[in-house]
Protein backbone atom coordinates (compact mmCIF):
# COMPACT_ATOMS: atom_id res chain seq x y z
CA MET A 1 69.08 87.83 112.80
CA ARG A 2 69.65 90.29 109.51
CA LYS A 3 72.68 90.73 108.93
CA THR A 4 74.38 94.21 109.24
CA GLU A 5 77.05 94.97 107.44
CA MET A 6 79.92 97.61 108.56
CA PRO A 7 82.04 99.55 106.29
CA ALA A 8 85.41 98.83 105.36
CA SER A 9 88.16 100.78 108.31
CA ALA A 10 85.16 98.67 110.39
CA SER A 11 86.58 95.22 109.44
CA LEU A 12 88.99 92.93 111.61
CA GLY A 13 90.88 91.63 108.48
CA ALA A 14 93.54 93.73 107.02
CA PRO A 15 92.24 96.55 104.68
CA ASP A 16 91.09 95.38 101.26
CA PRO A 17 92.25 98.60 98.63
CA ALA A 18 89.70 97.89 96.19
CA ALA A 19 86.99 97.72 98.95
CA ILE A 20 87.71 101.13 100.74
CA VAL A 21 88.07 102.83 97.09
CA GLU A 22 84.72 101.39 96.41
CA ARG A 23 82.98 102.55 99.77
CA GLU A 24 83.48 106.31 98.01
CA ALA A 25 81.63 105.29 94.90
CA GLY A 26 78.26 107.58 93.66
CA LEU A 27 80.13 110.69 92.45
CA HIS A 28 79.85 111.70 89.12
CA GLN A 29 82.59 111.32 87.33
CA ASN A 30 82.53 114.98 85.08
CA LEU A 31 85.96 116.56 85.15
CA SER A 32 87.45 116.80 82.14
CA SER A 33 91.32 116.69 81.77
CA ARG A 34 92.09 120.88 81.92
CA GLN A 35 89.23 121.45 83.95
CA VAL A 36 91.12 119.19 86.73
CA ALA A 37 94.33 121.02 85.72
CA MET A 38 92.71 124.47 86.36
CA ILE A 39 91.58 123.23 89.94
CA GLY A 40 94.83 122.63 90.63
CA LEU A 41 96.43 125.80 89.78
CA GLY A 42 93.23 127.45 90.99
CA SER A 43 94.13 125.77 94.30
CA THR A 44 97.47 126.69 94.40
CA ILE A 45 97.89 130.13 92.93
CA GLY A 46 96.53 133.00 95.12
CA THR A 47 97.21 135.87 96.88
CA GLY A 48 100.01 134.50 97.60
CA LEU A 49 101.88 134.84 94.33
CA PHE A 50 100.22 138.59 93.83
CA LEU A 51 100.86 140.17 97.07
CA GLY A 52 103.04 137.52 98.85
CA SER A 53 106.05 136.62 96.54
CA ALA A 54 108.04 140.37 98.43
CA ILE A 55 108.20 138.04 101.55
CA SER A 56 110.59 135.04 99.59
CA VAL A 57 112.40 138.27 98.07
CA LYS A 58 112.97 139.89 101.55
CA LEU A 59 114.19 136.17 102.53
CA ALA A 60 116.39 134.84 99.88
CA GLY A 61 117.52 138.53 98.13
CA PRO A 62 118.25 137.61 94.00
CA ALA A 63 119.00 134.14 95.23
CA VAL A 64 115.12 133.37 95.70
CA ILE A 65 114.88 131.99 92.23
CA LEU A 66 117.90 129.21 93.83
CA SER A 67 115.01 128.18 96.73
CA PHE A 68 112.14 128.16 94.37
CA LEU A 69 114.12 125.29 92.28
CA GLY A 70 114.42 123.37 95.46
CA GLY A 71 110.60 124.07 96.22
CA SER A 72 110.08 122.84 92.66
CA MET A 73 112.62 120.00 93.02
CA ILE A 74 110.45 119.22 96.33
CA ALA A 75 107.18 119.62 95.12
CA LEU A 76 108.79 116.95 91.91
CA THR A 77 108.84 114.64 94.24
CA VAL A 78 104.86 114.69 95.99
CA MET A 79 103.98 114.90 92.23
CA TRP A 80 105.16 111.65 90.81
CA ALA A 81 104.07 109.91 94.39
CA LEU A 82 100.70 111.77 94.31
CA ALA A 83 100.40 110.21 90.99
CA GLU A 84 101.37 106.13 90.83
CA MET A 85 99.29 106.25 93.83
CA THR A 86 96.09 107.78 92.42
CA ALA A 87 96.32 105.80 89.34
CA GLU A 88 96.32 103.09 91.18
CA HIS A 89 93.42 104.08 93.36
CA PRO A 90 91.49 107.24 92.16
CA ALA A 91 88.75 108.26 94.83
CA ALA A 92 87.91 111.74 96.24
CA GLY A 93 89.98 110.21 99.94
CA SER A 94 93.37 110.74 97.44
CA PHE A 95 96.48 110.32 100.22
CA GLY A 96 94.22 110.11 103.23
CA LEU A 97 92.46 107.13 102.08
CA HIS A 98 95.82 105.80 100.47
CA ALA A 99 97.40 106.24 103.58
CA GLU A 100 95.11 104.29 105.12
CA ILE A 101 95.16 101.10 102.83
CA TYR A 102 99.18 101.07 102.69
CA LEU A 103 100.17 102.29 106.65
CA HIS A 104 97.73 102.47 109.40
CA PRO A 105 93.69 103.73 110.21
CA TRP A 106 95.03 106.20 112.13
CA ALA A 107 97.34 107.73 109.14
CA GLY A 108 94.12 108.28 106.79
CA PHE A 109 92.33 109.79 110.13
CA ALA A 110 94.99 112.60 110.92
CA ILE A 111 95.95 113.20 107.52
CA ARG A 112 91.59 114.02 106.87
CA TYR A 113 91.17 115.46 109.10
CA THR A 114 94.50 117.58 109.56
CA TYR A 115 93.69 119.29 105.81
CA TRP A 116 90.02 118.94 106.62
CA LEU A 117 90.68 122.59 109.38
CA CYS A 118 94.05 123.38 107.46
CA LEU A 119 91.68 124.26 105.09
CA VAL A 120 88.76 125.48 106.75
CA VAL A 121 91.41 128.31 107.49
CA ILE A 122 92.49 129.13 104.28
CA VAL A 123 88.96 129.37 102.52
CA GLY A 124 87.72 131.04 105.61
CA SER A 125 90.84 133.71 105.31
CA GLU A 126 90.09 134.13 101.31
CA VAL A 127 86.86 135.03 101.83
CA VAL A 128 88.03 137.62 104.19
CA ALA A 129 90.61 138.75 101.72
CA ALA A 130 88.27 138.86 98.76
CA ALA A 131 85.56 141.07 101.02
CA ILE A 132 89.10 143.81 101.46
CA TYR A 133 89.42 143.86 98.24
CA CYS A 134 86.55 145.68 97.08
CA LYS A 135 86.57 147.78 100.06
CA LEU A 136 88.27 149.55 97.29
CA TRP A 137 85.55 149.92 95.07
CA PHE A 138 83.21 150.02 97.53
CA PRO A 139 84.42 151.99 100.92
CA GLY A 140 80.78 151.93 102.15
CA ILE A 141 79.73 148.85 102.22
CA PRO A 142 80.49 146.71 105.12
CA SER A 143 82.75 143.77 104.52
CA TRP A 144 80.48 141.14 106.93
CA MET A 145 77.48 141.70 103.76
CA TRP A 146 81.10 140.89 101.14
CA VAL A 147 82.13 137.99 103.46
CA ALA A 148 78.28 136.58 103.37
CA ALA A 149 77.74 137.38 99.45
CA PHE A 150 80.84 135.63 98.03
CA SER A 151 80.41 132.56 101.08
CA ALA A 152 76.70 132.29 99.43
CA ALA A 153 77.89 131.96 96.11
CA ILE A 154 80.87 129.74 96.93
CA ILE A 155 78.78 127.44 98.94
CA TYR A 156 76.36 126.92 95.85
CA LEU A 157 78.62 126.58 92.97
CA ASN A 158 80.04 123.63 94.99
CA THR A 159 76.22 122.18 95.47
CA VAL A 160 74.59 122.54 92.35
CA SER A 161 76.99 119.93 90.09
CA ILE A 162 80.29 119.13 89.26
CA GLN A 163 80.03 119.57 85.70
CA ASN A 164 79.47 123.79 86.68
CA PHE A 165 81.88 123.78 89.14
CA GLY A 166 84.19 122.73 86.62
CA ARG A 167 83.31 125.15 84.16
CA PHE A 168 83.14 128.07 86.50
CA GLU A 169 86.42 127.60 88.67
CA TYR A 170 88.09 127.08 85.03
CA TRP A 171 87.45 130.63 83.70
CA LEU A 172 88.40 132.27 87.42
CA ALA A 173 91.34 130.44 87.48
CA MET A 174 91.71 131.25 83.84
CA ILE A 175 92.15 135.33 84.68
CA LYS A 176 95.07 134.27 87.25
CA VAL A 177 96.24 132.47 84.02
CA LEU A 178 96.63 135.06 81.57
CA THR A 179 97.54 137.72 84.23
CA ILE A 180 100.73 135.74 85.19
CA ALA A 181 101.54 135.25 81.38
CA VAL A 182 101.05 138.86 80.20
CA PHE A 183 103.50 139.99 83.45
CA LEU A 184 105.65 137.53 81.74
CA VAL A 185 105.89 138.82 78.27
CA LEU A 186 105.98 142.64 79.86
CA GLY A 187 108.72 141.80 82.33
CA THR A 188 110.78 140.13 79.41
CA ALA A 189 110.32 143.22 77.37
CA LEU A 190 111.77 145.26 80.02
CA LEU A 191 114.69 143.39 80.62
CA LEU A 192 115.36 143.04 77.30
CA GLY A 193 114.59 146.48 76.12
CA ILE A 194 112.08 145.37 73.80
CA GLY A 195 109.72 148.83 73.13
CA PHE A 196 111.51 149.96 76.79
CA PRO A 197 115.11 151.13 77.64
CA PRO A 198 116.87 147.98 78.03
CA ILE A 199 117.73 147.12 82.29
CA GLY A 200 120.07 144.07 82.09
CA ALA A 201 121.32 142.42 84.72
CA VAL A 202 122.16 145.00 86.97
CA ASN A 203 119.50 144.31 90.01
CA TYR A 204 121.18 140.43 89.51
CA ARG A 205 124.10 141.59 91.13
CA GLY A 206 124.82 140.71 95.36
CA PHE A 207 123.26 137.64 94.45
CA PHE A 208 123.67 136.10 97.60
CA SER A 209 123.15 139.10 99.53
CA ARG A 210 121.22 137.26 102.45
CA GLY A 211 123.26 134.33 102.31
CA TRP A 212 123.20 130.20 102.19
CA THR A 213 120.12 130.97 104.76
CA GLY A 214 118.41 132.91 103.47
CA VAL A 215 118.03 130.93 100.01
CA LEU A 216 117.74 127.37 102.05
CA LEU A 217 114.74 129.63 104.64
CA GLY A 218 113.31 131.15 101.14
CA ILE A 219 112.65 127.02 100.27
CA THR A 220 110.51 126.91 102.80
CA MET A 221 108.84 129.89 101.62
CA ALA A 222 108.56 128.18 98.23
CA VAL A 223 107.19 124.92 99.50
CA PHE A 224 104.35 127.02 100.76
CA SER A 225 103.62 128.69 97.98
CA PHE A 226 103.30 124.85 96.08
CA LEU A 227 101.07 123.65 98.25
CA GLY A 228 97.22 122.46 96.93
CA ILE A 229 99.18 120.44 93.92
CA GLU A 230 97.67 117.88 96.20
CA VAL A 231 94.02 118.74 95.37
CA VAL A 232 94.26 117.79 92.43
CA ALA A 233 94.26 113.96 93.46
CA ALA A 234 90.88 114.55 95.02
CA THR A 235 89.19 114.77 91.41
CA ALA A 236 90.43 111.40 91.34
CA GLY A 237 86.89 110.35 91.98
CA GLU A 238 85.18 112.99 89.62
CA ALA A 239 87.25 113.05 87.12
CA ALA A 240 86.62 111.38 83.44
CA GLU A 241 89.69 109.48 82.87
CA PRO A 242 90.89 109.53 86.04
CA ARG A 243 93.98 106.93 86.03
CA VAL A 244 94.93 109.48 82.46
CA ALA A 245 93.54 112.52 83.78
CA VAL A 246 95.04 113.06 87.17
CA PRO A 247 98.70 112.70 86.41
CA GLN A 248 98.46 114.59 83.98
CA ALA A 249 96.78 117.24 85.32
CA LEU A 250 99.24 116.78 88.73
CA ARG A 251 102.31 117.26 85.45
CA ARG A 252 101.00 120.52 83.42
CA THR A 253 99.95 122.03 86.74
CA LEU A 254 103.67 121.33 88.39
CA PHE A 255 104.67 122.62 85.39
CA PHE A 256 102.72 125.65 85.22
CA LEU A 257 103.62 126.25 88.82
CA VAL A 258 107.54 126.34 88.40
CA LEU A 259 106.97 128.22 85.55
CA PHE A 260 105.18 130.64 87.10
CA TYR A 261 106.91 131.08 90.52
CA LEU A 262 110.64 130.96 88.99
CA GLY A 263 109.17 133.20 85.79
CA GLY A 264 107.50 135.16 88.02
CA LEU A 265 110.44 136.02 90.71
CA THR A 266 113.33 136.31 88.44
CA LEU A 267 111.68 138.71 86.83
CA VAL A 268 110.90 140.65 90.07
CA VAL A 269 114.46 141.25 90.97
CA GLY A 270 115.39 141.49 87.97
CA ILE A 271 113.80 144.58 87.65
CA VAL A 272 112.83 145.95 91.08
CA PRO A 273 116.14 146.37 92.85
CA TRP A 274 115.21 143.26 95.47
CA ASN A 275 116.03 145.44 98.55
CA GLN A 276 113.11 147.89 97.45
CA ILE A 277 110.86 145.11 97.01
CA GLY A 278 108.44 146.56 99.89
CA LEU A 279 105.89 143.98 102.03
CA GLY A 280 102.87 145.90 101.64
CA GLU A 281 102.67 146.43 97.45
CA SER A 282 102.56 143.59 94.87
CA PRO A 283 105.59 143.53 92.66
CA PHE A 284 103.26 142.66 89.64
CA VAL A 285 101.46 146.17 90.32
CA HIS A 286 104.74 147.89 90.11
CA VAL A 287 105.91 146.21 87.22
CA PHE A 288 102.61 147.27 85.51
CA GLN A 289 102.79 150.36 86.41
CA ILE A 290 106.55 151.10 84.86
CA VAL A 291 104.87 149.83 81.26
CA GLY A 292 102.05 152.10 81.78
CA ILE A 293 99.20 149.87 82.15
CA PRO A 294 96.06 152.68 82.98
CA ALA A 295 94.49 151.84 85.89
CA ALA A 296 96.79 149.11 86.95
CA GLY A 297 96.03 148.99 90.94
CA HIS A 298 92.59 148.61 90.26
CA VAL A 299 93.51 145.97 87.51
CA MET A 300 95.42 144.04 90.37
CA ASN A 301 92.50 144.26 92.72
CA PHE A 302 90.49 142.86 90.10
CA VAL A 303 92.85 139.78 89.42
CA VAL A 304 93.56 139.34 93.33
CA LEU A 305 89.98 139.53 94.08
CA THR A 306 89.16 136.29 91.64
CA ALA A 307 92.62 134.75 92.68
CA ALA A 308 91.37 134.92 96.32
CA LEU A 309 87.18 133.30 95.28
CA SER A 310 89.18 130.97 93.00
CA SER A 311 91.14 129.63 95.68
CA ALA A 312 88.13 129.72 98.03
CA MET A 313 86.08 127.94 95.62
CA CYS A 314 89.00 124.66 95.02
CA ASN A 315 89.64 124.70 98.94
CA LEU A 316 86.32 124.00 100.12
CA TYR A 317 85.71 121.75 96.85
CA PHE A 318 88.68 119.57 98.70
CA THR A 319 87.96 119.79 102.05
CA SER A 320 84.14 118.80 102.03
CA ARG A 321 85.69 115.49 99.78
CA LEU A 322 87.58 115.23 102.85
CA LEU A 323 84.68 115.14 104.86
CA PHE A 324 83.01 112.91 102.54
CA SER A 325 85.64 110.25 102.72
CA LEU A 326 85.99 110.64 106.56
CA ALA A 327 81.97 109.92 106.56
CA ARG A 328 82.22 107.26 104.02
CA GLY A 329 85.01 105.42 106.07
CA GLY A 330 83.26 105.45 109.07
CA TYR A 331 85.28 108.26 110.70
CA ALA A 332 82.61 111.03 110.41
CA PRO A 333 78.83 111.44 110.94
CA THR A 334 77.18 109.04 108.04
CA ALA A 335 74.68 111.82 106.89
CA LEU A 336 78.09 113.71 105.80
CA GLY A 337 78.71 110.82 103.56
CA ARG A 338 75.43 111.18 101.45
CA LEU A 339 75.39 112.60 98.21
CA SER A 340 72.47 114.89 96.01
CA LYS A 341 70.81 113.10 92.70
CA LEU A 342 73.82 115.60 91.32
CA GLY A 343 76.07 113.08 92.66
CA MET A 344 76.90 115.95 95.23
CA PRO A 345 78.13 115.98 99.09
CA VAL A 346 75.85 118.61 100.18
CA SER A 347 76.09 117.81 103.30
CA ALA A 348 79.83 117.90 103.40
CA VAL A 349 80.20 121.23 102.15
CA LEU A 350 77.33 123.03 104.19
CA ALA A 351 79.40 121.04 107.32
CA SER A 352 82.77 122.47 105.80
CA SER A 353 81.44 126.32 105.26
CA ALA A 354 79.69 126.37 108.95
CA GLY A 355 83.83 125.28 110.16
CA MET A 356 84.67 128.38 107.46
CA VAL A 357 81.93 131.09 109.15
CA VAL A 358 83.54 129.40 112.64
CA ALA A 359 87.59 130.42 111.58
CA VAL A 360 85.68 134.23 110.28
CA MET A 361 84.66 135.05 113.83
CA LEU A 362 87.51 133.48 115.62
CA SER A 363 89.96 135.79 113.38
CA HIS A 364 87.33 138.43 114.01
CA PHE A 365 87.12 138.04 118.49
CA LEU A 366 90.21 135.86 119.49
CA GLU A 367 92.64 137.23 116.62
CA ALA A 368 95.36 136.67 119.46
CA THR A 369 94.50 133.08 120.97
CA ALA A 370 92.05 130.28 119.44
CA PHE A 371 92.76 131.85 115.62
CA VAL A 372 96.83 132.14 115.68
CA PHE A 373 96.39 128.18 117.28
CA MET A 374 94.29 127.58 114.09
CA ILE A 375 96.28 129.52 111.53
CA GLY A 376 99.13 127.51 113.32
CA VAL A 377 97.65 124.74 112.20
CA ALA A 378 97.20 125.58 108.73
CA PHE A 379 100.67 126.31 108.33
CA PHE A 380 102.03 122.61 109.52
CA GLY A 381 99.36 120.94 107.59
CA GLY A 382 100.79 121.94 104.26
CA PRO A 383 104.18 120.15 104.89
CA PHE A 384 102.97 117.27 107.07
CA ILE A 385 100.42 116.07 104.40
CA TRP A 386 103.60 116.47 101.95
CA ILE A 387 105.74 114.14 104.55
CA MET A 388 102.82 111.53 105.18
CA ILE A 389 102.28 111.44 101.21
CA LEU A 390 106.01 110.37 100.74
CA ILE A 391 105.96 108.02 103.94
CA THR A 392 102.50 106.43 102.48
CA HIS A 393 103.72 106.87 98.85
CA LEU A 394 107.35 104.21 100.77
CA ALA A 395 104.37 101.58 101.90
CA PHE A 396 102.97 101.76 98.53
CA ARG A 397 105.57 100.96 96.58
CA ARG A 398 107.55 98.44 99.25
CA ALA A 399 103.53 96.42 99.10
CA ASN A 400 103.41 96.41 95.26
CA ALA A 401 106.99 95.01 94.49
CA ARG A 402 106.11 92.53 97.39
CA ALA A 403 102.91 91.64 95.35
CA ALA A 404 105.15 91.26 92.27
CA LYS A 405 102.13 93.60 91.31
CA PRO A 406 103.42 95.93 87.97
CA VAL A 407 102.13 99.61 88.66
CA LEU A 408 101.53 102.74 86.54
CA ARG A 409 105.38 104.43 87.33
CA PHE A 410 106.40 108.16 87.74
CA ALA A 411 109.20 108.45 89.86
CA PRO A 412 112.56 106.79 89.28
CA THR A 413 113.05 103.27 90.43
CA GLY A 414 114.17 102.83 94.03
CA PRO A 415 113.17 104.86 97.43
CA TRP A 416 115.24 107.72 96.55
CA SER A 417 113.05 110.25 95.46
CA SER A 418 110.29 109.62 98.14
CA LEU A 419 113.23 109.62 100.74
CA SER A 420 115.59 112.92 99.56
CA GLY A 421 111.79 114.90 99.76
CA LEU A 422 110.95 113.24 103.22
CA VAL A 423 114.67 114.59 104.43
CA ALA A 424 113.74 118.32 102.47
CA LEU A 425 110.60 118.59 104.58
CA LEU A 426 111.47 117.69 107.48
CA GLY A 427 114.14 120.24 107.53
CA VAL A 428 111.39 122.49 105.62
CA LEU A 429 109.42 121.72 108.85
CA VAL A 430 112.11 122.64 112.00
CA SER A 431 113.14 125.89 109.54
CA THR A 432 109.82 127.28 110.32
CA TRP A 433 111.22 128.25 113.83
CA TRP A 434 113.14 130.72 111.61
CA VAL A 435 111.09 132.62 109.86
CA PRO A 436 109.89 135.55 110.58
CA GLY A 437 106.24 134.97 111.34
CA PHE A 438 105.85 130.97 111.04
CA ARG A 439 106.87 129.59 114.62
CA VAL A 440 103.78 128.82 115.48
CA THR A 441 103.89 126.54 112.96
CA LEU A 442 105.42 124.09 115.56
CA LEU A 443 103.48 125.45 118.71
CA ALA A 444 100.69 124.24 116.78
CA GLY A 445 101.11 121.76 114.92
CA LEU A 446 103.38 119.43 117.39
CA PRO A 447 99.87 120.03 119.91
CA TRP A 448 97.16 118.74 117.51
CA LEU A 449 98.67 115.98 116.89
CA VAL A 450 98.79 115.13 120.14
CA PHE A 451 95.13 116.17 119.91
CA ILE A 452 94.39 114.51 116.96
CA THR A 453 95.77 111.04 118.34
CA LEU A 454 93.56 111.16 121.69
CA CYS A 455 90.04 111.61 119.33
CA TYR A 456 91.62 108.75 117.07
CA GLY A 457 92.17 107.09 120.03
CA VAL A 458 88.66 107.62 121.29
CA TRP A 459 87.10 107.17 118.16
CA SER A 460 88.57 103.69 117.48
CA ARG A 461 88.30 102.57 121.57
CA ALA A 462 84.55 103.03 120.16
CA ASN A 463 84.48 101.13 117.55
CA ARG A 464 86.04 98.18 119.18
CA ASN A 465 83.43 98.11 121.67
CA ASN A 466 80.43 98.48 118.46
CA ARG A 467 82.03 95.61 117.20
CA ALA A 468 82.47 93.56 120.51
CA ALA A 469 78.53 94.12 120.45
CA CYS A 470 78.11 93.29 117.78
CA HIS A 471 79.67 90.00 117.70
CA SER A 472 78.51 89.02 120.73
CA GLN A 473 74.78 88.89 118.81
CA GLY A 474 76.20 87.31 115.96
CA VAL A 475 76.05 90.05 113.27
CA SER A 476 78.66 89.84 110.64
CA THR A 477 81.31 92.61 110.69
CA GLY A 478 82.56 91.91 107.22
CA VAL A 479 84.37 93.96 104.94
CA SER A 480 81.65 95.72 102.76
CA THR A 481 81.92 97.30 99.80
CA VAL A 482 79.31 100.44 100.06
CA PRO A 483 76.38 100.80 102.17
CA LYS A 484 73.43 101.05 100.36
CA SER A 485 72.44 104.28 102.64
CA PHE A 486 75.60 105.89 101.03
CA HIS A 487 74.64 105.49 97.22
CA ARG A 488 72.96 108.80 95.13
CA PRO A 489 68.98 108.52 94.56
CA GLU A 490 68.45 107.82 91.32
C-alpha cells in the first residue's frame, strides 16, 4: 500500500521546527524592507490616531503622554520577542506557528483562530467606516455600494501578486505618514510661536488632572493603539530577506509609532486644552483649522478614508495568511492552504472576505447581540496575542538555551523583559473592565477561549482517530515537509 504523508501537526513525536516552517513554503518572497515596514504602519495607524485619540486624552488628561510612554515600553518587549523568533523561524504563520512549536498545538490553534476573527471584525468595520467617510462628498449614494466597491478592490489587490500589493499599500500608508509629519511640524510651530502667536506650555498645567488612575487606564488605550506591529512578523514568508528585513521593519515600525503617537498627543494637549477636546471631533482637524489650511475637514476626511482602506488592506492580508497557516498545519480545510500561480493564497483571502461580509451584516442586523460579542473578541484578541507572544518567547529562550543553540538576540539577556511585559499586559487586560465601552472585552473574551478550546478538543480527537485508522492500515504518520498538493503550480 502506498504511504500517505501527514502534515507535521499530525505527527506523534516532538514537533520539528524546520518541518513546521517548511510546510508553509511556496509564498513568493518579493516584499522589500521598506514595504514590510509600511505594511506594519498601515495596519497599526488607522482611524484610531486621527479620530480616536480624543478618548485617550479624556481618560488621562495631559498625562496621556506618560500613558503612551508606558504603552510603548510594553510594545518594545513584544517587538523584541517577535524579532528574535521571526529571525529564527520566518514564516507566514508567525507567532501562531511559534506557539505551536514551543508551547502546544492548542496555543497555535487558539492564537491563529482568535486573531483571525479579530481581524475579520476589524476589516469589516474599516470598510464600513470608509463608506461613512464617502457620504461627506456623495451623500446620495447608498453606503452598501461603497462597501461593495471597496471590498472588491481590497480583495483584488490581495489576490493579484505580492509585488502589487506591497507597492499599493506602500503609497496608501505614505499618505498617513506624510499627514502626521505635517501635523508634527505645524503643531511644533504653533507651540513655539514660529510664524504664529506662541501658545507655550500653558495647556500642560494640571498635568495629573485625571490622577494616576487616568494614566493607568490610558496605558490600556495606548496598548490598543500599538496593536498591529505583529502584522510585520507575518510578512516573513514573503519578505525578500526575512531574517534581516522583518526585525529591521519591526524596529522602524515601533519607532515611528512612538514618534507619531507620543509626538502627536504631546502637541494635541499642548495646543488644545484637554477638557475642550470633544470625542466627536478629530484633534488633527482642529489644529489644521487653527493654522488656516483651506478645507481642513475635507483634507482630513480624505486622510481618514485612505487610513481606513490601508488598514483594511493590511489586515485582510494578515488574516488570509493566518488562515493559510492553519490550513497548512491541518487545522483548516486543505483547500485554504493552496496557492495561485502568482504565489497568493487566493482561497484563504476569499474565505476571510466572506467572514468580513458576515461581520458587516451582523453589524447592521444584530448590533446589540452577536456583533457586540464579535467586537468583544476583537478587543480581547490583541492583548491576548501579545501575552501569548511573550509566553512563547520565554519558552523559545529556554529551549534554545537548553540546546546551547545560538540565536540572534534583540531583547536583553534573561527573561525579565518578556516577564515585565507579560505582567503589564495582564494588568491591561484586567483594566479593560473599568475603561468605558471596553468591559465587553472580558465578557466576550473568556467565553471565546472556552469555545475555541472545545473546538480544539474536537479537532484533536478526530485527528487521533484518523491517525489510529492510518496505523491500523499500516500507513505512515511520520513528519513530512509540504504535501505535494500544497505546492504552487509551475
